[in-house]
Amino acid sequence: MERGIQKHSGLSRCGKSCRLKWANNLRPDLKKVAFTPEEERRIIELHAKMGNKWAHMAVELPGRTDNEIKNFWNTRTKVTTVCRFTNLPSKH
């Protein structure tokens, strides 16, 4: 069935790629703005409580995807949190 959709829609994506595109980019309820300070604080709290359970965190942060939260953690929060505990200068 997925090949039929691909063939008739002119898309060069497979079904999995279409699902991920929808879930992470096209859903109308997604927030398209930077994380607020409150969301950043909440991510830090949730990570301390849950660890790397990104999908569970996304439930707690409406409009944010698990992938977006994971990317935020791995690029910003992780670096500053580690630096805080090791007394190293932060890159940010």
C-alpha atoms as a PDB file:
ATOM      1  CA  MET A   1       0.000   0.000   0.000  1.00  0.00           C
ATOM      2  CA  GLU A   2       2.795   2.455   0.844  1.00  0.00           C
ATOM      3  CA  ARG A   3       4.252   2.053  -2.634  1.00  0.00           C
ATOM      4  CA  GLY A   4       0.851   2.928  -4.080  1.00  0.00           C
ATOM      5  CA  ILE A   5       0.738   6.142  -2.083  1.00  0.00           C
ATOM      6  CA  GLN A   6       4.294   6.930  -3.104  1.00  0.00           C
ATOM      7  CA  LYS A   7       3.563   6.208  -6.756  1.00  0.00           C
ATOM      8  CA  HIS A   8       0.339   8.246  -6.911  1.00  0.00           C
ATOM      9  CA  SER A   9       1.508  11.195  -4.830  1.00  0.00           C
ATOM     10  CA  GLY A  10       4.803  11.705  -6.604  1.00  0.00           C
ATOM     11  CA  LEU A  11       6.725  11.474  -3.328  1.00  0.00           C
ATOM     12  CA  SER A  12      10.138   9.897  -3.216  1.00  0.00           C
ATOM     13  CA  ARG A  13       9.750   9.027   0.477  1.00  0.00           C
ATOM     14  CA  CYS A  14       8.969   5.647   2.001  1.00  0.00           C
ATOM     15  CA  GLY A  15       6.160   5.242   4.521  1.00  0.00           C
ATOM     16  CA  LYS A  16       8.470   5.460   7.523  1.00  0.00           C
ATOM     17  CA  SER A  17      10.008   8.668   6.230  1.00  0.00           C
ATOM     18  CA  CYS A  18       6.539  10.154   5.694  1.00  0.00           C
ATOM     19  CA  ARG A  19       5.483   9.224   9.246  1.00  0.00           C
ATOM     20  CA  LEU A  20       8.617  10.803  10.728  1.00  0.00           C
ATOM     21  CA  LYS A  21       8.204  13.947   8.604  1.00  0.00           C
ATOM     22  CA  TRP A  22       4.630  14.295   9.881  1.00  0.00           C
ATOM     23  CA  ALA A  23       5.506  13.543  13.516  1.00  0.00           C
ATOM     24  CA  ASN A  24       8.537  15.838  13.692  1.00  0.00           C
ATOM     25  CA  ASN A  25       7.743  18.669  11.272  1.00  0.00           C
ATOM     26  CA  LEU A  26       4.247  18.877   9.817  1.00  0.00           C
ATOM     27  CA  ARG A  27       1.841  18.221  12.693  1.00  0.00           C
ATOM     28  CA  PRO A  28      -0.264  21.359  13.172  1.00  0.00           C
ATOM     29  CA  ASP A  29       0.044  21.314  16.988  1.00  0.00           C
ATOM     30  CA  LEU A  30       3.862  21.502  17.002  1.00  0.00           C
ATOM     31  CA  LYS A  31       5.581  24.599  18.339  1.00  0.00           C
ATOM     32  CA  LYS A  32       7.922  26.185  15.827  1.00  0.00           C
ATOM     33  CA  VAL A  33       9.645  28.557  18.255  1.00  0.00           C
ATOM     34  CA  ALA A  34      12.680  28.208  20.495  1.00  0.00           C
ATOM     35  CA  PHE A  35      12.288  26.581  23.889  1.00  0.00           C
ATOM     36  CA  THR A  36      11.121  28.976  26.583  1.00  0.00           C
ATOM     37  CA  PRO A  37      13.115  29.274  29.819  1.00  0.00           C
ATOM     38  CA  GLU A  38      10.267  27.390  31.545  1.00  0.00           C
ATOM     39  CA  GLU A  39      10.507  24.537  29.008  1.00  0.00           C
ATOM     40  CA  GLU A  40      14.289  24.426  29.426  1.00  0.00           C
ATOM     41  CA  ARG A  41      13.891  24.170  33.214  1.00  0.00           C
ATOM     42  CA  ARG A  42      11.255  21.477  32.786  1.00  0.00           C
ATOM     43  CA  ILE A  43      13.513  19.424  30.482  1.00  0.00           C
ATOM     44  CA  ILE A  44      16.298  19.520  33.070  1.00  0.00           C
ATOM     45  CA  GLU A  45      13.858  18.420  35.801  1.00  0.00           C
ATOM     46  CA  LEU A  46      12.389  15.656  33.659  1.00  0.00           C
ATOM     47  CA  HIS A  47      15.825  14.407  32.637  1.00  0.00           C
ATOM     48  CA  ALA A  48      16.880  14.212  36.284  1.00  0.00           C
ATOM     49  CA  LYS A  49      13.719  12.238  37.016  1.00  0.00           C
ATOM     50  CA  MET A  50      13.430  10.050  33.890  1.00  0.00           C
ATOM     51  CA  GLY A  51      16.848   9.939  32.266  1.00  0.00           C
ATOM     52  CA  ASN A  52      16.850   9.681  28.473  1.00  0.00           C
ATOM     53  CA  LYS A  53      13.133   8.855  28.134  1.00  0.00           C
ATOM     54  CA  TRP A  54      12.510  11.440  25.422  1.00  0.00           C
ATOM     55  CA  ALA A  55       9.040  10.192  24.412  1.00  0.00           C
ATOM     56  CA  HIS A  56       7.868  10.335  28.047  1.00  0.00           C
ATOM     57  CA  MET A  57       9.192  13.892  28.307  1.00  0.00           C
ATOM     58  CA  ALA A  58       7.357  14.885  25.117  1.00  0.00           C
ATOM     59  CA  VAL A  59       4.082  13.915  26.800  1.00  0.00           C
ATOM     60  CA  GLU A  60       4.890  16.431  29.552  1.00  0.00           C
ATOM     61  CA  LEU A  61       5.752  19.196  27.050  1.00  0.00           C
ATOM     62  CA  PRO A  62       2.781  19.671  24.690  1.00  0.00           C
ATOM     63  CA  GLY A  63       3.741  20.721  21.184  1.00  0.00           C
ATOM     64  CA  ARG A  64       7.280  19.332  21.474  1.00  0.00           C
ATOM     65  CA  THR A  65       8.503  16.091  19.910  1.00  0.00           C
ATOM     66  CA  ASP A  66      10.757  13.532  21.525  1.00  0.00           C
ATOM     67  CA  ASN A  67      13.325  14.160  18.788  1.00  0.00           C
ATOM     68  CA  GLU A  68      13.270  17.919  19.384  1.00  0.00           C
ATOM     69  CA  ILE A  69      13.734  17.466  23.132  1.00  0.00           C
ATOM     70  CA  LYS A  70      16.584  14.987  22.599  1.00  0.00           C
ATOM     71  CA  ASN A  71      18.340  17.333  20.167  1.00  0.00           C
ATOM     72  CA  PHE A  72      17.918  20.244  22.577  1.00  0.00           C
ATOM     73  CA  TRP A  73      19.391  18.186  25.414  1.00  0.00           C
ATOM     74  CA  ASN A  74      22.328  16.919  23.377  1.00  0.00           C
ATOM     75  CA  THR A  75      23.273  20.325  21.943  1.00  0.00           C
ATOM     76  CA  ARG A  76      22.620  22.785  24.780  1.00  0.00           C
ATOM     77  CA  THR A  77      21.589  21.492  28.155  1.00  0.00           C
ATOM     78  CA  LYS A  78      23.937  18.524  28.351  1.00  0.00           C
ATOM     79  CA  VAL A  79      26.970  20.744  27.752  1.00  0.00           C
ATOM     80  CA  THR A  80      26.025  23.392  30.306  1.00  0.00           C
ATOM     81  CA  THR A  81      24.915  20.831  32.906  1.00  0.00           C
ATOM     82  CA  VAL A  82      28.162  18.858  32.607  1.00  0.00           C
ATOM     83  CA  CYS A  83      30.211  22.064  32.740  1.00  0.00           C
ATOM     84  CA  ARG A  84      28.403  23.180  35.880  1.00  0.00           C
ATOM     85  CA  PHE A  85      29.354  19.980  37.697  1.00  0.00           C
ATOM     86  CA  THR A  86      32.952  19.835  36.447  1.00  0.00           C
ATOM     87  CA  ASN A  87      33.779  23.565  36.715  1.00  0.00           C
ATOM     88  CA  LEU A  88      34.687  23.716  33.029  1.00  0.00           C
ATOM     89  CA  PRO A  89      33.826  26.798  30.990  1.00  0.00           C
ATOM     90  CA  SER A  90      30.661  26.439  28.945  1.00  0.00           C
ATOM     91  CA  LYS A  91      30.666  26.863  25.156  1.00  0.00           C
ATOM     92  CA  HIS A  92      27.475  28.977  25.399  1.00  0.00           C
END
